[in-house]
Amino acid sequence: MDKFSKTLTITGKEQTTVNDKIEALTVLANKLTAKELKKLAHVVANDPVKTALAKKYLGV
């Protein structure tokens, strides 16, 4: 599989927070398909009930 680079900006209060976000996003990008990531993003952006349930299930 080819590798591509992209520049993006991630906000956070501290560098460690941003690094944690990048690491988590990298795992998601490597484990989920583009279709699955788009669906996940859509749910997070548009369905606060499902997002709240997922956070509760994850303990966050």
N, C-alpha and C. Protein backbone atom coordinates (compact mmCIF):
# COMPACT_ATOMS: atom_id res chain seq x y z
N MET A 1 0.85 -1.17 0.00
CA MET A 1 0.00 0.00 0.00
C MET A 1 0.90 1.24 0.00
N ASP A 2 0.52 2.24 -0.76
CA ASP A 2 1.28 3.48 -0.82
C ASP A 2 1.09 4.30 0.44
N LYS A 3 2.07 5.14 0.74
CA LYS A 3 1.98 6.06 1.87
C LYS A 3 1.93 7.48 1.32
N PHE A 4 1.11 8.30 1.93
CA PHE A 4 0.97 9.68 1.53
C PHE A 4 1.15 10.57 2.75
N SER A 5 1.60 11.79 2.53
CA SER A 5 1.77 12.75 3.61
C SER A 5 0.75 13.87 3.44
N LYS A 6 0.31 14.40 4.55
CA LYS A 6 -0.64 15.50 4.55
C LYS A 6 -0.34 16.36 5.77
N THR A 7 -0.46 17.65 5.63
CA THR A 7 -0.26 18.55 6.75
C THR A 7 -1.62 18.92 7.32
N LEU A 8 -1.76 18.83 8.65
CA LEU A 8 -2.99 19.22 9.30
C LEU A 8 -2.69 19.88 10.63
N THR A 9 -3.64 20.61 11.12
CA THR A 9 -3.49 21.31 12.39
C THR A 9 -4.41 20.66 13.41
N ILE A 10 -3.84 20.33 14.57
CA ILE A 10 -4.61 19.73 15.66
C ILE A 10 -4.41 20.62 16.88
N THR A 11 -5.51 21.00 17.50
CA THR A 11 -5.43 21.88 18.65
C THR A 11 -5.37 21.09 19.95
N GLY A 12 -4.74 21.69 20.94
CA GLY A 12 -4.65 21.08 22.25
C GLY A 12 -4.00 22.05 23.21
N LYS A 13 -4.25 21.86 24.49
CA LYS A 13 -3.69 22.76 25.50
C LYS A 13 -2.20 22.54 25.69
N GLU A 14 -1.74 21.32 25.46
CA GLU A 14 -0.32 20.99 25.64
C GLU A 14 0.14 20.11 24.49
N GLN A 15 1.44 20.09 24.27
CA GLN A 15 2.02 19.27 23.21
C GLN A 15 1.72 17.79 23.43
N THR A 16 1.72 17.35 24.69
CA THR A 16 1.44 15.94 24.97
C THR A 16 0.01 15.56 24.57
N THR A 17 -0.92 16.49 24.76
CA THR A 17 -2.30 16.25 24.35
C THR A 17 -2.39 16.09 22.84
N VAL A 18 -1.70 16.94 22.11
CA VAL A 18 -1.70 16.87 20.65
C VAL A 18 -1.04 15.57 20.19
N ASN A 19 0.06 15.19 20.83
CA ASN A 19 0.72 13.93 20.47
C ASN A 19 -0.19 12.73 20.71
N ASP A 20 -0.93 12.74 21.81
CA ASP A 20 -1.88 11.66 22.10
C ASP A 20 -2.97 11.59 21.03
N LYS A 21 -3.47 12.75 20.61
CA LYS A 21 -4.49 12.79 19.56
C LYS A 21 -3.94 12.22 18.25
N ILE A 22 -2.73 12.61 17.90
CA ILE A 22 -2.12 12.13 16.66
C ILE A 22 -1.93 10.62 16.70
N GLU A 23 -1.46 10.11 17.82
CA GLU A 23 -1.27 8.66 17.95
C GLU A 23 -2.60 7.92 17.81
N ALA A 24 -3.65 8.44 18.45
CA ALA A 24 -4.97 7.80 18.37
C ALA A 24 -5.51 7.86 16.94
N LEU A 25 -5.37 9.00 16.29
CA LEU A 25 -5.84 9.12 14.91
C LEU A 25 -5.08 8.21 13.96
N THR A 26 -3.80 8.04 14.22
CA THR A 26 -2.99 7.14 13.39
C THR A 26 -3.48 5.71 13.50
N VAL A 27 -3.79 5.28 14.72
CA VAL A 27 -4.31 3.92 14.92
C VAL A 27 -5.64 3.76 14.18
N LEU A 28 -6.53 4.73 14.34
CA LEU A 28 -7.82 4.65 13.67
C LEU A 28 -7.65 4.61 12.15
N ALA A 29 -6.77 5.44 11.62
CA ALA A 29 -6.56 5.49 10.18
C ALA A 29 -5.99 4.19 9.65
N ASN A 30 -5.17 3.53 10.44
CA ASN A 30 -4.56 2.27 10.00
C ASN A 30 -5.47 1.07 10.18
N LYS A 31 -6.41 1.13 11.09
CA LYS A 31 -7.27 -0.03 11.39
C LYS A 31 -8.63 0.03 10.73
N LEU A 32 -9.10 1.23 10.39
CA LEU A 32 -10.43 1.38 9.79
C LEU A 32 -10.31 1.76 8.32
N THR A 33 -11.33 1.38 7.55
CA THR A 33 -11.36 1.79 6.15
C THR A 33 -11.80 3.25 6.06
N ALA A 34 -11.62 3.83 4.90
CA ALA A 34 -12.05 5.21 4.68
C ALA A 34 -13.56 5.34 4.91
N LYS A 35 -14.31 4.35 4.45
CA LYS A 35 -15.76 4.36 4.62
C LYS A 35 -16.13 4.33 6.11
N GLU A 36 -15.44 3.50 6.87
CA GLU A 36 -15.71 3.40 8.32
C GLU A 36 -15.34 4.70 9.04
N LEU A 37 -14.22 5.29 8.66
CA LEU A 37 -13.81 6.56 9.27
C LEU A 37 -14.79 7.67 8.96
N LYS A 38 -15.27 7.72 7.73
CA LYS A 38 -16.25 8.74 7.36
C LYS A 38 -17.54 8.57 8.15
N LYS A 39 -17.98 7.33 8.33
CA LYS A 39 -19.19 7.07 9.11
C LYS A 39 -18.99 7.47 10.57
N LEU A 40 -17.84 7.11 11.13
CA LEU A 40 -17.51 7.49 12.50
C LEU A 40 -17.51 9.00 12.66
N ALA A 41 -16.87 9.70 11.74
CA ALA A 41 -16.84 11.17 11.79
C ALA A 41 -18.24 11.76 11.70
N HIS A 42 -19.06 11.18 10.84
CA HIS A 42 -20.43 11.66 10.70
C HIS A 42 -21.22 11.50 12.00
N VAL A 43 -21.08 10.34 12.63
CA VAL A 43 -21.79 10.09 13.89
C VAL A 43 -21.32 11.06 14.97
N VAL A 44 -20.02 11.24 15.09
CA VAL A 44 -19.47 12.14 16.11
C VAL A 44 -19.94 13.58 15.86
N ALA A 45 -19.97 13.99 14.60
CA ALA A 45 -20.35 15.36 14.27
C ALA A 45 -21.86 15.61 14.37
N ASN A 46 -22.67 14.56 14.13
CA ASN A 46 -24.10 14.80 13.98
C ASN A 46 -25.02 14.04 14.92
N ASP A 47 -24.50 13.15 15.73
CA ASP A 47 -25.37 12.35 16.59
C ASP A 47 -24.83 12.35 18.02
N PRO A 48 -25.16 13.38 18.78
CA PRO A 48 -24.63 13.49 20.14
C PRO A 48 -25.06 12.35 21.07
N VAL A 49 -26.20 11.74 20.81
CA VAL A 49 -26.67 10.65 21.66
C VAL A 49 -25.76 9.43 21.48
N LYS A 50 -25.51 9.05 20.22
CA LYS A 50 -24.62 7.92 19.96
C LYS A 50 -23.20 8.20 20.45
N THR A 51 -22.75 9.44 20.28
CA THR A 51 -21.42 9.82 20.74
C THR A 51 -21.34 9.71 22.26
N ALA A 52 -22.35 10.17 22.95
CA ALA A 52 -22.38 10.08 24.42
C ALA A 52 -22.40 8.64 24.87
N LEU A 53 -23.17 7.78 24.18
CA LEU A 53 -23.20 6.36 24.53
C LEU A 53 -21.84 5.71 24.32
N ALA A 54 -21.17 6.06 23.23
CA ALA A 54 -19.84 5.50 22.96
C ALA A 54 -18.85 5.94 24.03
N LYS A 55 -18.89 7.21 24.42
CA LYS A 55 -17.99 7.71 25.46
C LYS A 55 -18.26 7.01 26.79
N LYS A 56 -19.53 6.80 27.11
CA LYS A 56 -19.88 6.10 28.34
C LYS A 56 -19.36 4.68 28.31
N TYR A 57 -19.56 4.00 27.18
CA TYR A 57 -19.07 2.63 27.03
C TYR A 57 -17.56 2.55 27.18
N LEU A 58 -16.86 3.57 26.65
CA LEU A 58 -15.40 3.61 26.71
C LEU A 58 -14.89 4.09 28.07
N GLY A 59 -15.77 4.63 28.88
CA GLY A 59 -15.37 5.11 30.20
C GLY A 59 -14.66 6.46 30.15
N VAL A 60 -15.03 7.27 29.16
CA VAL A 60 -14.41 8.61 29.07
C VAL A 60 -15.46 9.69 29.09
